[in-house]
Full PDB file with SEQRES, HELIX, SHEET, SSBOND, CRYST1, ORIGX, SCALE, CONECT and MASTER records, all heavy atoms in Angstrom:
SEQRES   1 A   36  LEU GLU GLY CYS ARG HIS ALA LYS VAL LYS HIS LEU VAL          
SEQRES   2 A   36  PHE ALA SER SER SER SER VAL TYR GLY SER ASN ALA LYS          
SEQRES   3 A   36  LEU PRO PHE SER GLU ASP ASP ASN VAL ASP                      
HELIX    1 AA1 GLU A    2  ALA A    7  1                                   6    
HELIX    2 AA2 SER A   18  TYR A   21  5                                   4    
CRYST1    1.000    1.000    1.000  90.00  90.00  90.00 P 1           1          
ORIGX1      1.000000  0.000000  0.000000        0.00000                         
ORIGX2      0.000000  1.000000  0.000000        0.00000                         
ORIGX3      0.000000  0.000000  1.000000        0.00000                         
SCALE1      1.000000  0.000000  0.000000        0.00000                         
SCALE2      0.000000  1.000000  0.000000        0.00000                         
SCALE3      0.000000  0.000000  1.000000        0.00000                         
ATOM      1  N   LEU A   1       9.587 -13.706  18.396  1.00  0.00           N  
ATOM      2  CA  LEU A   1       8.179 -13.690  18.786  1.00  0.00           C  
ATOM      3  C   LEU A   1       7.830 -14.879  19.675  1.00  0.00           C  
ATOM      4  O   LEU A   1       7.128 -14.731  20.683  1.00  0.00           O  
ATOM      5  CB  LEU A   1       7.295 -13.693  17.533  1.00  0.00           C  
ATOM      6  CG  LEU A   1       7.233 -12.399  16.728  1.00  0.00           C  
ATOM      7  CD1 LEU A   1       6.531 -12.636  15.395  1.00  0.00           C  
ATOM      8  CD2 LEU A   1       6.534 -11.286  17.513  1.00  0.00           C  
ATOM      9  N   GLU A   2       8.322 -16.039  19.304  1.00  0.00           N  
ATOM     10  CA  GLU A   2       8.050 -17.231  20.106  1.00  0.00           C  
ATOM     11  C   GLU A   2       8.672 -17.125  21.496  1.00  0.00           C  
ATOM     12  O   GLU A   2       8.066 -17.496  22.500  1.00  0.00           O  
ATOM     13  CB  GLU A   2       8.572 -18.474  19.382  1.00  0.00           C  
ATOM     14  CG  GLU A   2       7.615 -19.021  18.341  1.00  0.00           C  
ATOM     15  CD  GLU A   2       6.380 -19.621  18.977  1.00  0.00           C  
ATOM     16  OE1 GLU A   2       6.459 -20.755  19.495  1.00  0.00           O  
ATOM     17  OE2 GLU A   2       5.326 -18.951  18.993  1.00  0.00           O  
ATOM     18  N   GLY A   3       9.886 -16.602  21.544  1.00  0.00           N  
ATOM     19  CA  GLY A   3      10.536 -16.420  22.839  1.00  0.00           C  
ATOM     20  C   GLY A   3       9.767 -15.458  23.719  1.00  0.00           C  
ATOM     21  O   GLY A   3       9.551 -15.727  24.912  1.00  0.00           O  
ATOM     22  N   CYS A   4       9.318 -14.351  23.152  1.00  0.00           N  
ATOM     23  CA  CYS A   4       8.559 -13.370  23.911  1.00  0.00           C  
ATOM     24  C   CYS A   4       7.219 -13.941  24.363  1.00  0.00           C  
ATOM     25  O   CYS A   4       6.753 -13.689  25.485  1.00  0.00           O  
ATOM     26  CB  CYS A   4       8.330 -12.118  23.072  1.00  0.00           C  
ATOM     27  SG  CYS A   4       9.805 -11.140  22.760  1.00  0.00           S  
ATOM     28  N   ARG A   5       6.603 -14.702  23.481  1.00  0.00           N  
ATOM     29  CA  ARG A   5       5.305 -15.297  23.807  1.00  0.00           C  
ATOM     30  C   ARG A   5       5.410 -16.227  25.014  1.00  0.00           C  
ATOM     31  O   ARG A   5       4.648 -16.097  25.988  1.00  0.00           O  
ATOM     32  CB  ARG A   5       4.785 -16.062  22.598  1.00  0.00           C  
ATOM     33  CG  ARG A   5       3.623 -17.013  22.897  1.00  0.00           C  
ATOM     34  CD  ARG A   5       3.475 -18.035  21.800  1.00  0.00           C  
ATOM     35  NE  ARG A   5       2.521 -19.073  22.161  1.00  0.00           N  
ATOM     36  CZ  ARG A   5       2.353 -20.201  21.476  1.00  0.00           C  
ATOM     37  NH1 ARG A   5       3.090 -20.427  20.389  1.00  0.00           N  
ATOM     38  NH2 ARG A   5       1.467 -21.093  21.859  1.00  0.00           N  
ATOM     39  N   HIS A   6       6.348 -17.158  24.961  1.00  0.00           N  
ATOM     40  CA  HIS A   6       6.458 -18.155  26.027  1.00  0.00           C  
ATOM     41  C   HIS A   6       7.000 -17.561  27.320  1.00  0.00           C  
ATOM     42  O   HIS A   6       6.679 -18.045  28.412  1.00  0.00           O  
ATOM     43  CB  HIS A   6       7.325 -19.329  25.567  1.00  0.00           C  
ATOM     44  CG  HIS A   6       6.674 -20.163  24.503  1.00  0.00           C  
ATOM     45  ND1 HIS A   6       5.569 -20.956  24.755  1.00  0.00           N  
ATOM     46  CD2 HIS A   6       6.960 -20.325  23.176  1.00  0.00           C  
ATOM     47  CE1 HIS A   6       5.196 -21.570  23.637  1.00  0.00           C  
ATOM     48  NE2 HIS A   6       6.026 -21.205  22.663  1.00  0.00           N  
ATOM     49  N   ALA A   7       7.800 -16.501  27.212  1.00  0.00           N  
ATOM     50  CA  ALA A   7       8.344 -15.860  28.410  1.00  0.00           C  
ATOM     51  C   ALA A   7       7.401 -14.803  28.967  1.00  0.00           C  
ATOM     52  O   ALA A   7       7.705 -14.192  29.998  1.00  0.00           O  
ATOM     53  CB  ALA A   7       9.695 -15.225  28.082  1.00  0.00           C  
ATOM     54  N   LYS A   8       6.264 -14.603  28.276  1.00  0.00           N  
ATOM     55  CA  LYS A   8       5.264 -13.624  28.708  1.00  0.00           C  
ATOM     56  C   LYS A   8       5.882 -12.230  28.877  1.00  0.00           C  
ATOM     57  O   LYS A   8       5.673 -11.541  29.884  1.00  0.00           O  
ATOM     58  CB  LYS A   8       4.566 -14.082  29.991  1.00  0.00           C  
ATOM     59  CG  LYS A   8       3.856 -15.422  29.838  1.00  0.00           C  
ATOM     60  CD  LYS A   8       3.027 -15.770  31.048  1.00  0.00           C  
ATOM     61  CE  LYS A   8       2.406 -17.162  30.919  1.00  0.00           C  
ATOM     62  NZ  LYS A   8       1.632 -17.342  29.662  1.00  0.00           N  
ATOM     63  N   VAL A   9       6.671 -11.848  27.874  1.00  0.00           N  
ATOM     64  CA  VAL A   9       7.286 -10.524  27.857  1.00  0.00           C  
ATOM     65  C   VAL A   9       6.190  -9.459  27.785  1.00  0.00           C  
ATOM     66  O   VAL A   9       5.194  -9.619  27.086  1.00  0.00           O  
ATOM     67  CB  VAL A   9       8.245 -10.412  26.648  1.00  0.00           C  
ATOM     68  CG1 VAL A   9       8.663  -8.968  26.397  1.00  0.00           C  
ATOM     69  CG2 VAL A   9       9.478 -11.281  26.880  1.00  0.00           C  
ATOM     70  N   LYS A  10       6.398  -8.368  28.506  1.00  0.00           N  
ATOM     71  CA  LYS A  10       5.362  -7.340  28.616  1.00  0.00           C  
ATOM     72  C   LYS A  10       5.374  -6.338  27.461  1.00  0.00           C  
ATOM     73  O   LYS A  10       4.417  -5.581  27.278  1.00  0.00           O  
ATOM     74  CB  LYS A  10       5.510  -6.602  29.942  1.00  0.00           C  
ATOM     75  CG  LYS A  10       5.289  -7.480  31.170  1.00  0.00           C  
ATOM     76  CD  LYS A  10       5.440  -6.675  32.449  1.00  0.00           C  
ATOM     77  CE  LYS A  10       5.167  -7.538  33.675  1.00  0.00           C  
ATOM     78  NZ  LYS A  10       6.170  -8.624  33.807  1.00  0.00           N  
ATOM     79  N   HIS A  11       6.458  -6.309  26.670  1.00  0.00           N  
ATOM     80  CA  HIS A  11       6.495  -5.385  25.537  1.00  0.00           C  
ATOM     81  C   HIS A  11       7.638  -5.765  24.603  1.00  0.00           C  
ATOM     82  O   HIS A  11       8.784  -5.895  25.035  1.00  0.00           O  
ATOM     83  CB  HIS A  11       6.713  -3.943  26.017  1.00  0.00           C  
ATOM     84  CG  HIS A  11       6.495  -2.908  24.955  1.00  0.00           C  
ATOM     85  ND1 HIS A  11       6.942  -1.597  25.083  1.00  0.00           N  
ATOM     86  CD2 HIS A  11       5.871  -2.959  23.736  1.00  0.00           C  
ATOM     87  CE1 HIS A  11       6.607  -0.905  24.014  1.00  0.00           C  
ATOM     88  NE2 HIS A  11       5.952  -1.706  23.172  1.00  0.00           N  
ATOM     89  N   LEU A  12       7.324  -5.946  23.341  1.00  0.00           N  
ATOM     90  CA  LEU A  12       8.326  -6.163  22.299  1.00  0.00           C  
ATOM     91  C   LEU A  12       8.373  -4.933  21.407  1.00  0.00           C  
ATOM     92  O   LEU A  12       7.358  -4.551  20.803  1.00  0.00           O  
ATOM     93  CB  LEU A  12       7.984  -7.399  21.462  1.00  0.00           C  
ATOM     94  CG  LEU A  12       8.807  -7.565  20.159  1.00  0.00           C  
ATOM     95  CD1 LEU A  12      10.291  -7.746  20.466  1.00  0.00           C  
ATOM     96  CD2 LEU A  12       8.282  -8.735  19.330  1.00  0.00           C  
ATOM     97  N   VAL A  13       9.541  -4.302  21.335  1.00  0.00           N  
ATOM     98  CA  VAL A  13       9.778  -3.192  20.422  1.00  0.00           C  
ATOM     99  C   VAL A  13      10.706  -3.703  19.330  1.00  0.00           C  
ATOM    100  O   VAL A  13      11.775  -4.246  19.634  1.00  0.00           O  
ATOM    101  CB  VAL A  13      10.420  -1.991  21.148  1.00  0.00           C  
ATOM    102  CG1 VAL A  13      10.731  -0.874  20.156  1.00  0.00           C  
ATOM    103  CG2 VAL A  13       9.501  -1.486  22.257  1.00  0.00           C  
ATOM    104  N   PHE A  14      10.316  -3.554  18.075  1.00  0.00           N  
ATOM    105  CA  PHE A  14      11.127  -4.127  17.000  1.00  0.00           C  
ATOM    106  C   PHE A  14      11.331  -3.116  15.882  1.00  0.00           C  
ATOM    107  O   PHE A  14      10.539  -2.181  15.688  1.00  0.00           O  
ATOM    108  CB  PHE A  14      10.468  -5.395  16.440  1.00  0.00           C  
ATOM    109  CG  PHE A  14       9.156  -5.181  15.748  1.00  0.00           C  
ATOM    110  CD1 PHE A  14       9.081  -5.015  14.369  1.00  0.00           C  
ATOM    111  CD2 PHE A  14       7.971  -5.148  16.481  1.00  0.00           C  
ATOM    112  CE1 PHE A  14       7.871  -4.820  13.726  1.00  0.00           C  
ATOM    113  CE2 PHE A  14       6.741  -4.952  15.847  1.00  0.00           C  
ATOM    114  CZ  PHE A  14       6.694  -4.781  14.469  1.00  0.00           C  
ATOM    115  N   ALA A  15      12.419  -3.314  15.148  1.00  0.00           N  
ATOM    116  CA  ALA A  15      12.778  -2.409  14.060  1.00  0.00           C  
ATOM    117  C   ALA A  15      12.035  -2.783  12.788  1.00  0.00           C  
ATOM    118  O   ALA A  15      12.133  -3.902  12.300  1.00  0.00           O  
ATOM    119  CB  ALA A  15      14.282  -2.450  13.818  1.00  0.00           C  
ATOM    120  N   SER A  16      11.306  -1.810  12.262  1.00  0.00           N  
ATOM    121  CA  SER A  16      10.792  -1.901  10.908  1.00  0.00           C  
ATOM    122  C   SER A  16      11.609  -0.913  10.082  1.00  0.00           C  
ATOM    123  O   SER A  16      12.748  -0.611  10.429  1.00  0.00           O  
ATOM    124  CB  SER A  16       9.293  -1.618  10.863  1.00  0.00           C  
ATOM    125  OG  SER A  16       8.793  -1.825   9.555  1.00  0.00           O  
ATOM    126  N   SER A  17      11.057  -0.404   9.010  1.00  0.00           N  
ATOM    127  CA  SER A  17      11.841   0.462   8.127  1.00  0.00           C  
ATOM    128  C   SER A  17      10.935   1.358   7.296  1.00  0.00           C  
ATOM    129  O   SER A  17       9.806   0.971   6.953  1.00  0.00           O  
ATOM    130  CB  SER A  17      12.699  -0.397   7.187  1.00  0.00           C  
ATOM    131  OG  SER A  17      13.272   0.379   6.160  1.00  0.00           O  
ATOM    132  N   SER A  18      11.447   2.526   6.950  1.00  0.00           N  
ATOM    133  CA  SER A  18      10.721   3.398   6.028  1.00  0.00           C  
ATOM    134  C   SER A  18      10.567   2.751   4.663  1.00  0.00           C  
ATOM    135  O   SER A  18       9.724   3.170   3.863  1.00  0.00           O  
ATOM    136  CB  SER A  18      11.442   4.740   5.884  1.00  0.00           C  
ATOM    137  OG  SER A  18      12.738   4.567   5.350  1.00  0.00           O  
ATOM    138  N   SER A  19      11.356   1.706   4.395  1.00  0.00           N  
ATOM    139  CA  SER A  19      11.273   1.008   3.110  1.00  0.00           C  
ATOM    140  C   SER A  19       9.905   0.389   2.882  1.00  0.00           C  
ATOM    141  O   SER A  19       9.527   0.126   1.726  1.00  0.00           O  
ATOM    142  CB  SER A  19      12.348  -0.081   3.030  1.00  0.00           C  
ATOM    143  OG  SER A  19      13.639   0.472   3.035  1.00  0.00           O  
ATOM    144  N   VAL A  20       9.129   0.154   3.947  1.00  0.00           N  
ATOM    145  CA  VAL A  20       7.812  -0.474   3.765  1.00  0.00           C  
ATOM    146  C   VAL A  20       6.885   0.411   2.943  1.00  0.00           C  
ATOM    147  O   VAL A  20       5.918  -0.083   2.350  1.00  0.00           O  
ATOM    148  CB  VAL A  20       7.152  -0.815   5.119  1.00  0.00           C  
ATOM    149  CG1 VAL A  20       8.014  -1.764   5.925  1.00  0.00           C  
ATOM    150  CG2 VAL A  20       6.819   0.433   5.914  1.00  0.00           C  
ATOM    151  N   TYR A  21       7.149   1.712   2.867  1.00  0.00           N  
ATOM    152  CA  TYR A  21       6.276   2.607   2.107  1.00  0.00           C  
ATOM    153  C   TYR A  21       6.413   2.397   0.606  1.00  0.00           C  
ATOM    154  O   TYR A  21       5.549   2.831  -0.162  1.00  0.00           O  
ATOM    155  CB  TYR A  21       6.542   4.065   2.492  1.00  0.00           C  
ATOM    156  CG  TYR A  21       6.073   4.383   3.891  1.00  0.00           C  
ATOM    157  CD1 TYR A  21       6.966   4.507   4.949  1.00  0.00           C  
ATOM    158  CD2 TYR A  21       4.719   4.532   4.167  1.00  0.00           C  
ATOM    159  CE1 TYR A  21       6.532   4.779   6.237  1.00  0.00           C  
ATOM    160  CE2 TYR A  21       4.270   4.802   5.450  1.00  0.00           C  
ATOM    161  CZ  TYR A  21       5.184   4.921   6.484  1.00  0.00           C  
ATOM    162  OH  TYR A  21       4.745   5.176   7.767  1.00  0.00           O  
ATOM    163  N   GLY A  22       7.494   1.747   0.186  1.00  0.00           N  
ATOM    164  CA  GLY A  22       7.630   1.304  -1.191  1.00  0.00           C  
ATOM    165  C   GLY A  22       7.365   2.383  -2.223  1.00  0.00           C  
ATOM    166  O   GLY A  22       7.978   3.447  -2.209  1.00  0.00           O  
ATOM    167  N   SER A  23       6.423   2.104  -3.096  1.00  0.00           N  
ATOM    168  CA  SER A  23       6.149   3.016  -4.205  1.00  0.00           C  
ATOM    169  C   SER A  23       5.161   4.126  -3.840  1.00  0.00           C  
ATOM    170  O   SER A  23       4.695   4.848  -4.717  1.00  0.00           O  
ATOM    171  CB  SER A  23       5.614   2.230  -5.405  1.00  0.00           C  
ATOM    172  OG  SER A  23       4.447   1.498  -5.055  1.00  0.00           O  
ATOM    173  N   ASN A  24       4.829   4.265  -2.549  1.00  0.00           N  
ATOM    174  CA  ASN A  24       3.956   5.371  -2.138  1.00  0.00           C  
ATOM    175  C   ASN A  24       4.557   6.704  -2.587  1.00  0.00           C  
ATOM    176  O   ASN A  24       5.750   6.946  -2.437  1.00  0.00           O  
ATOM    177  CB  ASN A  24       3.788   5.396  -0.617  1.00  0.00           C  
ATOM    178  CG  ASN A  24       2.896   4.278  -0.106  1.00  0.00           C  
ATOM    179  OD1 ASN A  24       2.686   3.295  -0.799  1.00  0.00           O  
ATOM    180  ND2 ASN A  24       2.404   4.414   1.107  1.00  0.00           N  
ATOM    181  N   ALA A  25       3.726   7.584  -3.104  1.00  0.00           N  
ATOM    182  CA  ALA A  25       4.206   8.873  -3.597  1.00  0.00           C  
ATOM    183  C   ALA A  25       3.714  10.043  -2.753  1.00  0.00           C  
ATOM    184  O   ALA A  25       4.232  11.152  -2.874  1.00  0.00           O  
ATOM    185  CB  ALA A  25       3.775   9.078  -5.045  1.00  0.00           C  
ATOM    186  N   LYS A  26       2.727   9.818  -1.887  1.00  0.00           N  
ATOM    187  CA  LYS A  26       2.214  10.886  -1.027  1.00  0.00           C  
ATOM    188  C   LYS A  26       3.203  11.146   0.098  1.00  0.00           C  
ATOM    189  O   LYS A  26       3.559  10.248   0.856  1.00  0.00           O  
ATOM    190  CB  LYS A  26       0.841  10.504  -0.440  1.00  0.00           C  
ATOM    191  CG  LYS A  26       0.234  11.592   0.446  1.00  0.00           C  
ATOM    192  CD  LYS A  26      -1.098  11.155   1.013  1.00  0.00           C  
ATOM    193  CE  LYS A  26      -0.945  10.121   2.107  1.00  0.00           C  
ATOM    194  NZ  LYS A  26      -0.285  10.668   3.319  1.00  0.00           N  
ATOM    195  N   LEU A  27       3.646  12.392   0.207  1.00  0.00           N  
ATOM    196  CA  LEU A  27       4.592  12.776   1.243  1.00  0.00           C  
ATOM    197  C   LEU A  27       3.945  13.808   2.170  1.00  0.00           C  
ATOM    198  O   LEU A  27       3.184  14.654   1.719  1.00  0.00           O  
ATOM    199  CB  LEU A  27       5.866  13.361   0.627  1.00  0.00           C  
ATOM    200  CG  LEU A  27       6.680  12.414  -0.268  1.00  0.00           C  
ATOM    201  CD1 LEU A  27       7.845  13.168  -0.902  1.00  0.00           C  
ATOM    202  CD2 LEU A  27       7.185  11.219   0.524  1.00  0.00           C  
ATOM    203  N   PRO A  28       4.255  13.768   3.475  1.00  0.00           N  
ATOM    204  CA  PRO A  28       5.124  12.794   4.142  1.00  0.00           C  
ATOM    205  C   PRO A  28       4.431  11.446   4.315  1.00  0.00           C  
ATOM    206  O   PRO A  28       3.202  11.360   4.261  1.00  0.00           O  
ATOM    207  CB  PRO A  28       5.407  13.457   5.490  1.00  0.00           C  
ATOM    208  CG  PRO A  28       4.170  14.257   5.766  1.00  0.00           C  
ATOM    209  CD  PRO A  28       3.742  14.793   4.425  1.00  0.00           C  
ATOM    210  N   PHE A  29       5.228  10.409   4.553  1.00  0.00           N  
ATOM    211  CA  PHE A  29       4.684   9.083   4.795  1.00  0.00           C  
ATOM    212  C   PHE A  29       4.049   9.036   6.184  1.00  0.00           C  
ATOM    213  O   PHE A  29       4.662   9.430   7.176  1.00  0.00           O  
ATOM    214  CB  PHE A  29       5.790   8.027   4.729  1.00  0.00           C  
ATOM    215  CG  PHE A  29       6.411   7.874   3.368  1.00  0.00           C  
ATOM    216  CD1 PHE A  29       7.758   7.533   3.258  1.00  0.00           C  
ATOM    217  CD2 PHE A  29       5.688   8.054   2.208  1.00  0.00           C  
ATOM    218  CE1 PHE A  29       8.352   7.371   2.017  1.00  0.00           C  
ATOM    219  CE2 PHE A  29       6.270   7.896   0.959  1.00  0.00           C  
ATOM    220  CZ  PHE A  29       7.608   7.551   0.858  1.00  0.00           C  
ATOM    221  N   SER A  30       2.840   8.528   6.248  1.00  0.00           N  
ATOM    222  CA  SER A  30       2.130   8.391   7.519  1.00  0.00           C  
ATOM    223  C   SER A  30       1.902   6.924   7.845  1.00  0.00           C  
ATOM    224  O   SER A  30       1.700   6.098   6.933  1.00  0.00           O  
ATOM    225  CB  SER A  30       0.780   9.115   7.445  1.00  0.00           C  
ATOM    226  OG  SER A  30      -0.045   8.764   8.544  1.00  0.00           O  
ATOM    227  N   GLU A  31       1.906   6.607   9.139  1.00  0.00           N  
ATOM    228  CA  GLU A  31       1.620   5.232   9.565  1.00  0.00           C  
ATOM    229  C   GLU A  31       0.212   4.799   9.160  1.00  0.00           C  
ATOM    230  O   GLU A  31      -0.082   3.594   9.142  1.00  0.00           O  
ATOM    231  CB  GLU A  31       1.773   5.096  11.086  1.00  0.00           C  
ATOM    232  CG  GLU A  31       3.136   5.427  11.620  1.00  0.00           C  
ATOM    233  CD  GLU A  31       3.251   6.869  12.077  1.00  0.00           C  
ATOM    234  OE1 GLU A  31       2.515   7.728  11.529  1.00  0.00           O  
ATOM    235  OE2 GLU A  31       4.053   7.146  12.985  1.00  0.00           O  
ATOM    236  N   ASP A  32      -0.640   5.757   8.858  1.00  0.00           N  
ATOM    237  CA  ASP A  32      -2.002   5.438   8.435  1.00  0.00           C  
ATOM    238  C   ASP A  32      -2.105   5.124   6.949  1.00  0.00           C  
ATOM    239  O   ASP A  32      -3.175   4.744   6.465  1.00  0.00           O  
ATOM    240  CB  ASP A  32      -2.935   6.607   8.766  1.00  0.00           C  
ATOM    241  CG  ASP A  32      -3.065   6.838  10.269  1.00  0.00           C  
ATOM    242  OD1 ASP A  32      -3.059   5.840  11.014  1.00  0.00           O  
ATOM    243  OD2 ASP A  32      -3.163   8.006  10.680  1.00  0.00           O  
ATOM    244  N   ASP A  33      -0.990   5.282   6.213  1.00  0.00           N  
ATOM    245  CA  ASP A  33      -0.982   4.981   4.785  1.00  0.00           C  
ATOM    246  C   ASP A  33      -0.932   3.471   4.546  1.00  0.00           C  
ATOM    247  O   ASP A  33      -0.366   2.707   5.331  1.00  0.00           O  
ATOM    248  CB  ASP A  33       0.233   5.613   4.108  1.00  0.00           C  
ATOM    249  CG  ASP A  33       0.200   7.126   4.132  1.00  0.00           C  
ATOM    250  OD1 ASP A  33      -0.901   7.690   4.274  1.00  0.00           O  
ATOM    251  OD2 ASP A  33       1.274   7.749   4.020  1.00  0.00           O  
ATOM    252  N   ASN A  34      -1.493   3.059   3.429  1.00  0.00           N  
ATOM    253  CA  ASN A  34      -1.377   1.666   2.987  1.00  0.00           C  
ATOM    254  C   ASN A  34       0.074   1.377   2.583  1.00  0.00           C  
ATOM    255  O   ASN A  34       0.726   2.203   1.943  1.00  0.00           O  
ATOM    256  CB  ASN A  34      -2.312   1.446   1.795  1.00  0.00           C  
ATOM    257  CG  ASN A  34      -2.267   0.033   1.265  1.00  0.00           C  
ATOM    258  OD1 ASN A  34      -1.294  -0.370   0.636  1.00  0.00           O  
ATOM    259  ND2 ASN A  34      -3.327  -0.719   1.488  1.00  0.00           N  
ATOM    260  N   VAL A  35       0.579   0.220   2.986  1.00  0.00           N  
ATOM    261  CA  VAL A  35       1.965  -0.148   2.646  1.00  0.00           C  
ATOM    262  C   VAL A  35       2.004  -1.537   1.999  1.00  0.00           C  
ATOM    263  O   VAL A  35       2.803  -2.397   2.357  1.00  0.00           O  
ATOM    264  CB  VAL A  35       2.900  -0.090   3.871  1.00  0.00           C  
ATOM    265  CG1 VAL A  35       3.165   1.344   4.277  1.00  0.00           C  
ATOM    266  CG2 VAL A  35       2.336  -0.873   5.047  1.00  0.00           C  
ATOM    267  N   ASP A  36       1.137  -1.734   1.032  1.00  0.00           N  
ATOM    268  CA  ASP A  36       1.025  -3.029   0.363  1.00  0.00           C  
ATOM    269  C   ASP A  36       1.816  -3.117  -0.936  1.00  0.00           C  
ATOM    270  O   ASP A  36       1.630  -4.057  -1.703  1.00  0.00           O  
ATOM    271  CB  ASP A  36      -0.442  -3.347   0.064  1.00  0.00           C  
ATOM    272  CG  ASP A  36      -1.222  -3.708   1.320  1.00  0.00           C  
ATOM    273  OD1 ASP A  36      -0.586  -4.093   2.323  1.00  0.00           O  
ATOM    274  OD2 ASP A  36      -2.467  -3.594   1.305  1.00  0.00           O  
TER     275      ASP A  36                                                      
MASTER        0    0    0    2    0    0    0    6  274    1    0    3          
END                                                                             
């Protein structure tokens, strides 16, 4: 993030994971779901 910030990169694409949905039971998982 710091490298992209200082280099004024125009777009950072990064890997997250379906694991963030954790104990969510509503399927399918939506990006609009809470992932706390």
